[in-house]
């Protein structure tokens, strides 16, 4: 069994997911388009165990959040 994700990283992942989910409500193509793609993107990285890789994924999600806010 893989080691548990640190509480700090887990909370960061959940926070950025919730922020993106809320931004998706105003997404031009609609929430029904946005939500499955957001979920898929996060699930594609669910296998990550290395903390550095997780931090990089969080940074990518933060970049996407800023881009969506700019829309």
N, C-alpha and C. Protein backbone atom coordinates (compact mmCIF):
# COMPACT_ATOMS: atom_id res chain seq x y z
N UNK A 1 0.85 -1.19 0.00
CA UNK A 1 0.00 0.00 0.00
C UNK A 1 0.89 1.25 0.00
N UNK A 2 0.58 2.24 -0.87
CA UNK A 2 1.41 3.45 -0.94
C UNK A 2 1.27 4.28 0.33
N UNK A 3 2.30 5.06 0.64
CA UNK A 3 2.23 5.92 1.83
C UNK A 3 1.12 6.96 1.67
N UNK A 4 0.50 7.36 2.76
CA UNK A 4 -0.59 8.34 2.67
C UNK A 4 -0.08 9.72 2.25
N UNK A 5 -0.90 10.42 1.55
CA UNK A 5 -0.59 11.77 1.11
C UNK A 5 -0.58 12.69 2.32
N UNK A 6 0.38 13.60 2.39
CA UNK A 6 0.42 14.50 3.53
C UNK A 6 -0.87 15.32 3.59
N UNK A 7 -1.28 15.63 4.79
CA UNK A 7 -2.52 16.37 5.00
C UNK A 7 -2.48 17.73 4.30
N UNK A 8 -1.32 18.36 4.32
CA UNK A 8 -1.17 19.67 3.68
C UNK A 8 -1.41 19.58 2.18
N UNK A 9 -0.79 18.60 1.53
CA UNK A 9 -0.96 18.46 0.08
C UNK A 9 -2.39 18.08 -0.27
N UNK A 10 -2.97 17.19 0.52
CA UNK A 10 -4.35 16.77 0.27
C UNK A 10 -5.30 17.96 0.35
N UNK A 11 -5.12 18.80 1.35
CA UNK A 11 -6.00 19.96 1.48
C UNK A 11 -5.79 20.95 0.34
N UNK A 12 -4.54 21.08 -0.15
CA UNK A 12 -4.28 21.97 -1.29
C UNK A 12 -4.97 21.46 -2.55
N UNK A 13 -4.93 20.15 -2.76
CA UNK A 13 -5.58 19.55 -3.93
C UNK A 13 -7.09 19.78 -3.86
N UNK A 14 -7.67 19.52 -2.71
CA UNK A 14 -9.12 19.69 -2.54
C UNK A 14 -9.51 21.15 -2.72
N UNK A 15 -8.71 22.06 -2.18
CA UNK A 15 -9.01 23.49 -2.29
C UNK A 15 -8.99 23.95 -3.75
N UNK A 16 -7.96 23.58 -4.50
CA UNK A 16 -7.88 24.03 -5.89
C UNK A 16 -8.99 23.37 -6.72
N UNK A 17 -9.35 22.13 -6.40
CA UNK A 17 -10.46 21.48 -7.11
C UNK A 17 -11.76 22.23 -6.87
N UNK A 18 -12.02 22.60 -5.62
CA UNK A 18 -13.26 23.33 -5.30
C UNK A 18 -13.27 24.71 -5.96
N UNK A 19 -12.12 25.38 -5.98
CA UNK A 19 -12.04 26.69 -6.63
C UNK A 19 -12.35 26.57 -8.12
N UNK A 20 -11.77 25.57 -8.76
CA UNK A 20 -12.02 25.37 -10.18
C UNK A 20 -13.47 24.98 -10.43
N UNK A 21 -14.02 24.16 -9.57
CA UNK A 21 -15.42 23.76 -9.70
C UNK A 21 -16.34 24.98 -9.62
N UNK A 22 -16.06 25.88 -8.70
CA UNK A 22 -16.87 27.10 -8.58
C UNK A 22 -16.71 28.00 -9.80
N UNK A 23 -15.48 28.10 -10.32
CA UNK A 23 -15.27 28.91 -11.52
C UNK A 23 -15.98 28.29 -12.73
N UNK A 24 -16.11 26.99 -12.73
CA UNK A 24 -16.76 26.29 -13.83
C UNK A 24 -18.24 26.63 -13.98
N UNK A 25 -18.84 27.14 -12.93
CA UNK A 25 -20.27 27.51 -13.00
C UNK A 25 -20.50 28.65 -13.99
N UNK A 26 -19.47 29.46 -14.22
CA UNK A 26 -19.58 30.57 -15.16
C UNK A 26 -18.82 30.30 -16.46
N UNK A 27 -18.41 29.08 -16.67
CA UNK A 27 -17.62 28.72 -17.86
C UNK A 27 -18.48 28.93 -19.11
N UNK A 28 -17.90 29.51 -20.18
CA UNK A 28 -18.70 29.81 -21.37
C UNK A 28 -19.46 28.62 -21.98
N UNK A 29 -18.86 27.43 -21.96
CA UNK A 29 -19.54 26.27 -22.55
C UNK A 29 -20.47 25.59 -21.56
N UNK A 30 -20.53 26.10 -20.35
CA UNK A 30 -21.47 25.57 -19.37
C UNK A 30 -20.84 24.61 -18.37
N UNK A 31 -21.49 24.49 -17.24
CA UNK A 31 -21.01 23.65 -16.15
C UNK A 31 -21.05 22.18 -16.53
N UNK A 32 -22.06 21.78 -17.30
CA UNK A 32 -22.18 20.37 -17.71
C UNK A 32 -21.04 19.96 -18.63
N UNK A 33 -20.43 20.90 -19.32
CA UNK A 33 -19.26 20.63 -20.14
C UNK A 33 -17.99 20.61 -19.27
N UNK A 34 -17.93 21.56 -18.35
CA UNK A 34 -16.72 21.79 -17.56
C UNK A 34 -16.46 20.72 -16.51
N UNK A 35 -17.47 20.34 -15.76
CA UNK A 35 -17.29 19.45 -14.61
C UNK A 35 -16.69 18.08 -14.96
N UNK A 36 -17.20 17.37 -15.97
CA UNK A 36 -16.59 16.06 -16.28
C UNK A 36 -15.13 16.18 -16.71
N UNK A 37 -14.78 17.26 -17.39
CA UNK A 37 -13.41 17.44 -17.82
C UNK A 37 -12.50 17.76 -16.64
N UNK A 38 -13.00 18.56 -15.72
CA UNK A 38 -12.23 18.86 -14.51
C UNK A 38 -12.01 17.57 -13.71
N UNK A 39 -13.06 16.81 -13.53
CA UNK A 39 -12.97 15.56 -12.78
C UNK A 39 -11.98 14.60 -13.45
N UNK A 40 -12.06 14.51 -14.76
CA UNK A 40 -11.15 13.64 -15.50
C UNK A 40 -9.70 14.06 -15.36
N UNK A 41 -9.46 15.36 -15.39
CA UNK A 41 -8.09 15.86 -15.25
C UNK A 41 -7.52 15.52 -13.88
N UNK A 42 -8.34 15.66 -12.85
CA UNK A 42 -7.87 15.35 -11.50
C UNK A 42 -7.69 13.83 -11.32
N UNK A 43 -8.59 13.05 -11.89
CA UNK A 43 -8.48 11.59 -11.77
C UNK A 43 -7.27 11.06 -12.54
N UNK A 44 -6.89 11.74 -13.60
CA UNK A 44 -5.71 11.33 -14.36
C UNK A 44 -4.44 11.47 -13.53
N UNK A 45 -4.47 12.32 -12.52
CA UNK A 45 -3.31 12.52 -11.65
C UNK A 45 -3.48 11.87 -10.28
N UNK A 46 -4.54 11.12 -10.09
CA UNK A 46 -4.82 10.51 -8.79
C UNK A 46 -3.76 9.48 -8.40
N UNK A 47 -3.04 8.95 -9.38
CA UNK A 47 -2.02 7.92 -9.09
C UNK A 47 -0.72 8.50 -8.55
N UNK A 48 -0.55 9.81 -8.61
CA UNK A 48 0.72 10.43 -8.20
C UNK A 48 1.01 10.17 -6.73
N UNK A 49 2.24 9.79 -6.42
CA UNK A 49 2.66 9.52 -5.05
C UNK A 49 3.81 10.44 -4.62
N UNK A 50 4.62 10.85 -5.57
CA UNK A 50 5.76 11.71 -5.27
C UNK A 50 5.29 13.12 -4.95
N UNK A 51 5.72 13.66 -3.83
CA UNK A 51 5.25 14.97 -3.40
C UNK A 51 5.63 16.07 -4.39
N UNK A 52 6.79 15.97 -5.02
CA UNK A 52 7.18 16.98 -6.00
C UNK A 52 6.26 16.95 -7.22
N UNK A 53 5.89 15.76 -7.67
CA UNK A 53 4.96 15.65 -8.80
C UNK A 53 3.59 16.20 -8.43
N UNK A 54 3.16 15.96 -7.21
CA UNK A 54 1.86 16.48 -6.74
C UNK A 54 1.90 18.00 -6.70
N UNK A 55 3.01 18.55 -6.22
CA UNK A 55 3.15 20.01 -6.17
C UNK A 55 3.11 20.61 -7.59
N UNK A 56 3.75 19.92 -8.55
CA UNK A 56 3.73 20.39 -9.93
C UNK A 56 2.31 20.35 -10.50
N UNK A 57 1.57 19.30 -10.17
CA UNK A 57 0.18 19.20 -10.63
C UNK A 57 -0.67 20.30 -10.01
N UNK A 58 -0.43 20.62 -8.75
CA UNK A 58 -1.16 21.71 -8.09
C UNK A 58 -0.82 23.03 -8.78
N UNK A 59 0.44 23.23 -9.11
CA UNK A 59 0.85 24.46 -9.80
C UNK A 59 0.17 24.58 -11.17
N UNK A 60 0.05 23.46 -11.90
CA UNK A 60 -0.66 23.49 -13.19
C UNK A 60 -2.12 23.85 -12.98
N UNK A 61 -2.72 23.30 -11.94
CA UNK A 61 -4.13 23.59 -11.66
C UNK A 61 -4.31 25.06 -11.29
N UNK A 62 -3.37 25.61 -10.55
CA UNK A 62 -3.42 27.04 -10.20
C UNK A 62 -3.30 27.90 -11.46
N UNK A 63 -2.45 27.50 -12.39
CA UNK A 63 -2.31 28.22 -13.66
C UNK A 63 -3.62 28.20 -14.43
N UNK A 64 -4.24 27.02 -14.50
CA UNK A 64 -5.54 26.89 -15.19
C UNK A 64 -6.59 27.77 -14.52
N UNK A 65 -6.57 27.80 -13.19
CA UNK A 65 -7.52 28.64 -12.45
C UNK A 65 -7.35 30.11 -12.85
N UNK A 66 -6.11 30.57 -12.92
CA UNK A 66 -5.86 31.96 -13.31
C UNK A 66 -6.31 32.23 -14.73
N UNK A 67 -6.12 31.27 -15.62
CA UNK A 67 -6.54 31.43 -17.01
C UNK A 67 -8.08 31.50 -17.11
N UNK A 68 -8.76 30.69 -16.34
CA UNK A 68 -10.23 30.70 -16.36
C UNK A 68 -10.75 32.01 -15.78
N UNK A 69 -10.09 32.50 -14.73
CA UNK A 69 -10.50 33.79 -14.15
C UNK A 69 -10.33 34.91 -15.16
N UNK A 70 -9.35 34.79 -16.06
CA UNK A 70 -9.11 35.81 -17.06
C UNK A 70 -10.15 35.82 -18.17
N UNK A 71 -10.93 34.74 -18.30
CA UNK A 71 -11.96 34.68 -19.36
C UNK A 71 -13.03 35.71 -19.16
